[in-house]
């Protein structure tokens, strides 16, 4: 398997509720830390994306979005890890940290 994602069967997005009066941009930082089983020695490219529902709807994106107007947005955050070539994910636990910014 060369892709590991919270969007794959059995996966689930992280969820954050953001309440604002508007005029704030939401964005995701690059993965700041990731852990993998010791048997996984090949590199992984981690790509975070998000979508919003509630006071504002935003289709899945990795780009910064201006939150217009007041209200609460339900943010679903997905993470996809990709291996190149013939590299594959090994069995075991994977974890990563993604920072959600509202500025």
Protein backbone atom coordinates (compact mmCIF):
# COMPACT_ATOMS: atom_id res chain seq x y z
CA UNK A 1 0.00 0.00 0.00
CA UNK A 2 1.50 3.36 -1.02
CA UNK A 3 -1.21 5.65 0.47
CA UNK A 4 -2.40 5.86 4.06
CA UNK A 5 -5.26 8.27 4.70
CA UNK A 6 -8.00 9.14 7.15
CA UNK A 7 -10.22 9.13 4.02
CA UNK A 8 -9.56 5.42 3.38
CA UNK A 9 -12.11 2.83 4.57
CA UNK A 10 -11.86 2.57 8.35
CA UNK A 11 -10.31 6.04 8.67
CA UNK A 12 -11.88 9.12 10.23
CA UNK A 13 -11.10 12.83 10.06
CA UNK A 14 -10.09 14.91 13.07
CA UNK A 15 -12.84 17.37 13.97
CA UNK A 16 -12.57 20.96 15.18
CA UNK A 17 -15.32 23.53 15.71
CA UNK A 18 -14.26 27.13 15.00
CA UNK A 19 -16.46 30.01 16.17
CA UNK A 20 -15.63 33.49 14.91
CA UNK A 21 -17.15 36.91 14.22
CA UNK A 22 -15.67 36.72 10.70
CA UNK A 23 -12.69 38.19 8.91
CA UNK A 24 -10.40 35.36 10.04
CA UNK A 25 -8.41 33.01 7.82
CA UNK A 26 -8.23 29.30 8.60
CA UNK A 27 -5.29 27.25 7.36
CA UNK A 28 -3.32 24.11 8.19
CA UNK A 29 0.38 23.99 8.93
CA UNK A 30 2.51 21.24 7.45
CA UNK A 31 2.79 18.12 9.60
CA UNK A 32 5.04 19.11 12.50
CA UNK A 33 5.73 15.61 13.80
CA UNK A 34 4.91 12.10 12.69
CA UNK A 35 5.63 8.71 14.16
CA UNK A 36 5.73 5.37 12.39
CA UNK A 37 6.55 1.78 13.30
CA UNK A 38 10.28 1.08 13.56
CA UNK A 39 9.96 -1.26 10.55
CA UNK A 40 8.86 1.63 8.30
CA UNK A 41 12.19 3.11 7.21
CA UNK A 42 11.19 4.82 3.96
CA UNK A 43 10.11 8.45 3.68
CA UNK A 44 6.49 9.57 3.66
CA UNK A 45 5.00 12.80 2.29
CA UNK A 46 2.15 13.92 4.60
CA UNK A 47 -0.56 16.16 3.12
CA UNK A 48 -3.26 17.69 5.37
CA UNK A 49 -6.57 18.94 3.94
CA UNK A 50 -9.81 20.19 5.46
CA UNK A 51 -13.44 20.94 4.66
CA UNK A 52 -15.96 23.10 6.52
CA UNK A 53 -19.69 22.97 7.15
CA UNK A 54 -22.02 24.98 9.36
CA UNK A 55 -21.95 28.79 9.11
CA UNK A 56 -19.83 28.43 5.97
CA UNK A 57 -19.30 25.55 3.58
CA UNK A 58 -15.88 24.92 2.06
CA UNK A 59 -15.08 21.93 -0.15
CA UNK A 60 -11.97 19.94 0.72
CA UNK A 61 -8.85 22.07 0.30
CA UNK A 62 -5.34 22.54 1.60
CA UNK A 63 -5.40 26.31 0.98
CA UNK A 64 -6.13 29.14 3.39
CA UNK A 65 -9.80 30.18 3.51
CA UNK A 66 -11.33 33.46 4.69
CA UNK A 67 -14.15 32.86 7.17
CA UNK A 68 -16.84 35.37 6.28
CA UNK A 69 -19.50 36.38 8.78
CA UNK A 70 -20.11 35.23 12.33
CA UNK A 71 -20.87 31.68 13.35
CA UNK A 72 -19.49 28.23 14.05
CA UNK A 73 -17.79 26.15 11.38
CA UNK A 74 -17.38 22.40 11.74
CA UNK A 75 -13.94 21.61 10.33
CA UNK A 76 -13.04 18.06 9.25
CA UNK A 77 -9.27 17.56 8.91
CA UNK A 78 -7.91 14.70 6.83
CA UNK A 79 -4.33 13.57 6.50
CA UNK A 80 -2.89 11.51 3.65
CA UNK A 81 0.54 9.91 3.68
CA UNK A 82 2.09 8.89 0.37
CA UNK A 83 5.07 6.68 -0.38
CA UNK A 84 6.91 6.84 -3.69
CA UNK A 85 7.85 4.08 -6.10
CA UNK A 86 7.61 0.58 -4.67
CA UNK A 87 7.76 1.76 -1.03
CA UNK A 88 4.83 0.67 1.14
CA UNK A 89 3.46 1.35 4.61
CA UNK A 90 4.33 -1.30 7.18
CA UNK A 91 1.81 -2.67 9.68
CA UNK A 92 1.58 -0.79 12.95
CA UNK A 93 0.58 2.53 14.45
CA UNK A 94 1.11 5.86 12.70
CA UNK A 95 0.45 9.26 14.26
CA UNK A 96 0.94 12.87 13.18
CA UNK A 97 0.31 16.39 14.45
CA UNK A 98 -1.37 19.02 12.27
CA UNK A 99 -1.86 22.58 13.54
CA UNK A 100 -5.04 24.44 12.59
CA UNK A 101 -4.49 28.21 12.39
CA UNK A 102 -7.14 30.92 12.67
CA UNK A 103 -5.52 34.31 12.03
